[in-house]
Amino acid sequence: MNEQYASLRTLITRQNGEACVLMSLEVYNSLKETAYLLRFPVNARMLNSCAE
């Protein structure tokens, strides 16, 4: 996870189940948008080259 978002989420551990993550809707939507854009190889290459 990007360090920018690491401090914006809370990890919730449970005794008898999977851990959960609590984050703001803004952070969630941003992560969803990034995942959507990176699904397409052309977008992923373009975004990665812009980040360098």
N, C-alpha and C. Protein backbone atom coordinates (compact mmCIF):
# COMPACT_ATOMS: atom_id res chain seq x y z
N MET A 1 0.85 -1.18 0.00
CA MET A 1 0.00 0.00 0.00
C MET A 1 0.88 1.23 0.00
N ASN A 2 0.47 2.23 -0.72
CA ASN A 2 1.18 3.50 -0.79
C ASN A 2 1.31 4.10 0.61
N GLU A 3 2.49 4.62 0.92
CA GLU A 3 2.72 5.21 2.25
C GLU A 3 1.75 6.35 2.53
N GLN A 4 1.33 7.04 1.48
CA GLN A 4 0.37 8.14 1.64
C GLN A 4 -0.91 7.65 2.32
N TYR A 5 -1.32 6.43 2.01
CA TYR A 5 -2.57 5.90 2.53
C TYR A 5 -2.38 5.06 3.80
N ALA A 6 -1.17 4.67 4.09
CA ALA A 6 -0.92 3.77 5.22
C ALA A 6 -1.43 4.36 6.53
N SER A 7 -1.28 5.66 6.71
CA SER A 7 -1.72 6.27 7.96
C SER A 7 -3.20 6.63 7.95
N LEU A 8 -3.86 6.43 6.82
CA LEU A 8 -5.26 6.80 6.68
C LEU A 8 -6.21 5.61 6.80
N ARG A 9 -5.68 4.51 7.28
CA ARG A 9 -6.53 3.33 7.43
C ARG A 9 -6.26 2.72 8.80
N THR A 10 -7.24 1.95 9.26
CA THR A 10 -7.14 1.26 10.54
C THR A 10 -7.34 -0.22 10.30
N LEU A 11 -6.44 -1.02 10.81
CA LEU A 11 -6.56 -2.47 10.69
C LEU A 11 -7.34 -2.99 11.90
N ILE A 12 -8.38 -3.75 11.64
CA ILE A 12 -9.22 -4.32 12.69
C ILE A 12 -8.99 -5.82 12.70
N THR A 13 -8.44 -6.34 13.77
CA THR A 13 -8.22 -7.78 13.88
C THR A 13 -9.35 -8.40 14.69
N ARG A 14 -9.72 -9.61 14.32
CA ARG A 14 -10.81 -10.31 15.00
C ARG A 14 -10.31 -11.65 15.46
N GLN A 15 -10.81 -12.12 16.57
CA GLN A 15 -10.37 -13.40 17.12
C GLN A 15 -10.72 -14.57 16.22
N ASN A 16 -11.91 -14.56 15.67
CA ASN A 16 -12.37 -15.73 14.90
C ASN A 16 -12.72 -15.37 13.46
N GLY A 17 -11.87 -14.63 12.82
CA GLY A 17 -12.16 -14.28 11.44
C GLY A 17 -11.04 -13.48 10.80
N GLU A 18 -11.28 -13.11 9.58
CA GLU A 18 -10.30 -12.32 8.84
C GLU A 18 -10.21 -10.91 9.41
N ALA A 19 -9.04 -10.33 9.24
CA ALA A 19 -8.86 -8.93 9.62
C ALA A 19 -9.61 -8.05 8.62
N CYS A 20 -9.97 -6.85 9.03
CA CYS A 20 -10.68 -5.89 8.20
C CYS A 20 -9.89 -4.59 8.17
N VAL A 21 -10.16 -3.78 7.17
CA VAL A 21 -9.53 -2.47 7.06
C VAL A 21 -10.63 -1.42 7.04
N LEU A 22 -10.46 -0.39 7.84
CA LEU A 22 -11.39 0.73 7.89
C LEU A 22 -10.67 1.94 7.30
N MET A 23 -11.29 2.57 6.30
CA MET A 23 -10.69 3.75 5.68
C MET A 23 -11.79 4.70 5.25
N SER A 24 -11.41 5.92 4.95
CA SER A 24 -12.39 6.90 4.52
C SER A 24 -12.90 6.54 3.12
N LEU A 25 -14.07 7.03 2.79
CA LEU A 25 -14.63 6.80 1.46
C LEU A 25 -13.73 7.42 0.40
N GLU A 26 -13.14 8.54 0.69
CA GLU A 26 -12.23 9.21 -0.26
C GLU A 26 -11.03 8.31 -0.59
N VAL A 27 -10.43 7.72 0.41
CA VAL A 27 -9.29 6.83 0.19
C VAL A 27 -9.74 5.59 -0.58
N TYR A 28 -10.86 5.02 -0.20
CA TYR A 28 -11.39 3.84 -0.88
C TYR A 28 -11.63 4.12 -2.36
N ASN A 29 -12.30 5.22 -2.64
CA ASN A 29 -12.59 5.58 -4.03
C ASN A 29 -11.32 5.82 -4.83
N SER A 30 -10.34 6.43 -4.22
CA SER A 30 -9.06 6.67 -4.89
C SER A 30 -8.37 5.34 -5.23
N LEU A 31 -8.36 4.41 -4.29
CA LEU A 31 -7.76 3.11 -4.54
C LEU A 31 -8.51 2.34 -5.63
N LYS A 32 -9.83 2.43 -5.63
CA LYS A 32 -10.63 1.77 -6.67
C LYS A 32 -10.31 2.36 -8.05
N GLU A 33 -10.20 3.67 -8.13
CA GLU A 33 -9.91 4.32 -9.41
C GLU A 33 -8.53 3.90 -9.92
N THR A 34 -7.55 3.87 -9.03
CA THR A 34 -6.21 3.45 -9.42
C THR A 34 -6.21 2.01 -9.91
N ALA A 35 -6.89 1.13 -9.20
CA ALA A 35 -6.97 -0.27 -9.61
C ALA A 35 -7.64 -0.39 -10.98
N TYR A 36 -8.69 0.39 -11.21
CA TYR A 36 -9.38 0.36 -12.49
C TYR A 36 -8.45 0.79 -13.62
N LEU A 37 -7.74 1.88 -13.41
CA LEU A 37 -6.84 2.38 -14.45
C LEU A 37 -5.70 1.41 -14.75
N LEU A 38 -5.21 0.74 -13.72
CA LEU A 38 -4.09 -0.17 -13.91
C LEU A 38 -4.49 -1.53 -14.49
N ARG A 39 -5.80 -1.77 -14.63
CA ARG A 39 -6.26 -3.04 -15.22
C ARG A 39 -5.86 -3.15 -16.68
N PHE A 40 -5.72 -2.02 -17.34
CA PHE A 40 -5.44 -2.01 -18.76
C PHE A 40 -3.94 -1.79 -18.98
N PRO A 41 -3.27 -2.70 -19.67
CA PRO A 41 -1.82 -2.60 -19.84
C PRO A 41 -1.35 -1.27 -20.42
N VAL A 42 -2.09 -0.72 -21.37
CA VAL A 42 -1.69 0.56 -21.97
C VAL A 42 -1.71 1.66 -20.91
N ASN A 43 -2.75 1.71 -20.11
CA ASN A 43 -2.83 2.71 -19.04
C ASN A 43 -1.73 2.50 -18.01
N ALA A 44 -1.48 1.26 -17.65
CA ALA A 44 -0.46 0.96 -16.65
C ALA A 44 0.90 1.44 -17.12
N ARG A 45 1.25 1.17 -18.37
CA ARG A 45 2.54 1.62 -18.90
C ARG A 45 2.63 3.13 -18.91
N MET A 46 1.56 3.79 -19.36
CA MET A 46 1.56 5.25 -19.43
C MET A 46 1.69 5.86 -18.03
N LEU A 47 0.92 5.36 -17.07
CA LEU A 47 0.98 5.89 -15.72
C LEU A 47 2.34 5.65 -15.07
N ASN A 48 2.89 4.46 -15.29
CA ASN A 48 4.21 4.16 -14.73
C ASN A 48 5.29 5.03 -15.34
N SER A 49 5.20 5.31 -16.63
CA SER A 49 6.22 6.16 -17.26
C SER A 49 6.09 7.61 -16.78
N CYS A 50 4.88 8.05 -16.50
CA CYS A 50 4.68 9.42 -15.99
C CYS A 50 5.19 9.56 -14.56
N ALA A 51 5.14 8.49 -13.81
CA ALA A 51 5.55 8.53 -12.41
C ALA A 51 7.06 8.57 -12.26
N GLU A 52 7.77 8.16 -13.28
CA GLU A 52 9.24 8.10 -13.19
C GLU A 52 9.88 9.44 -13.39
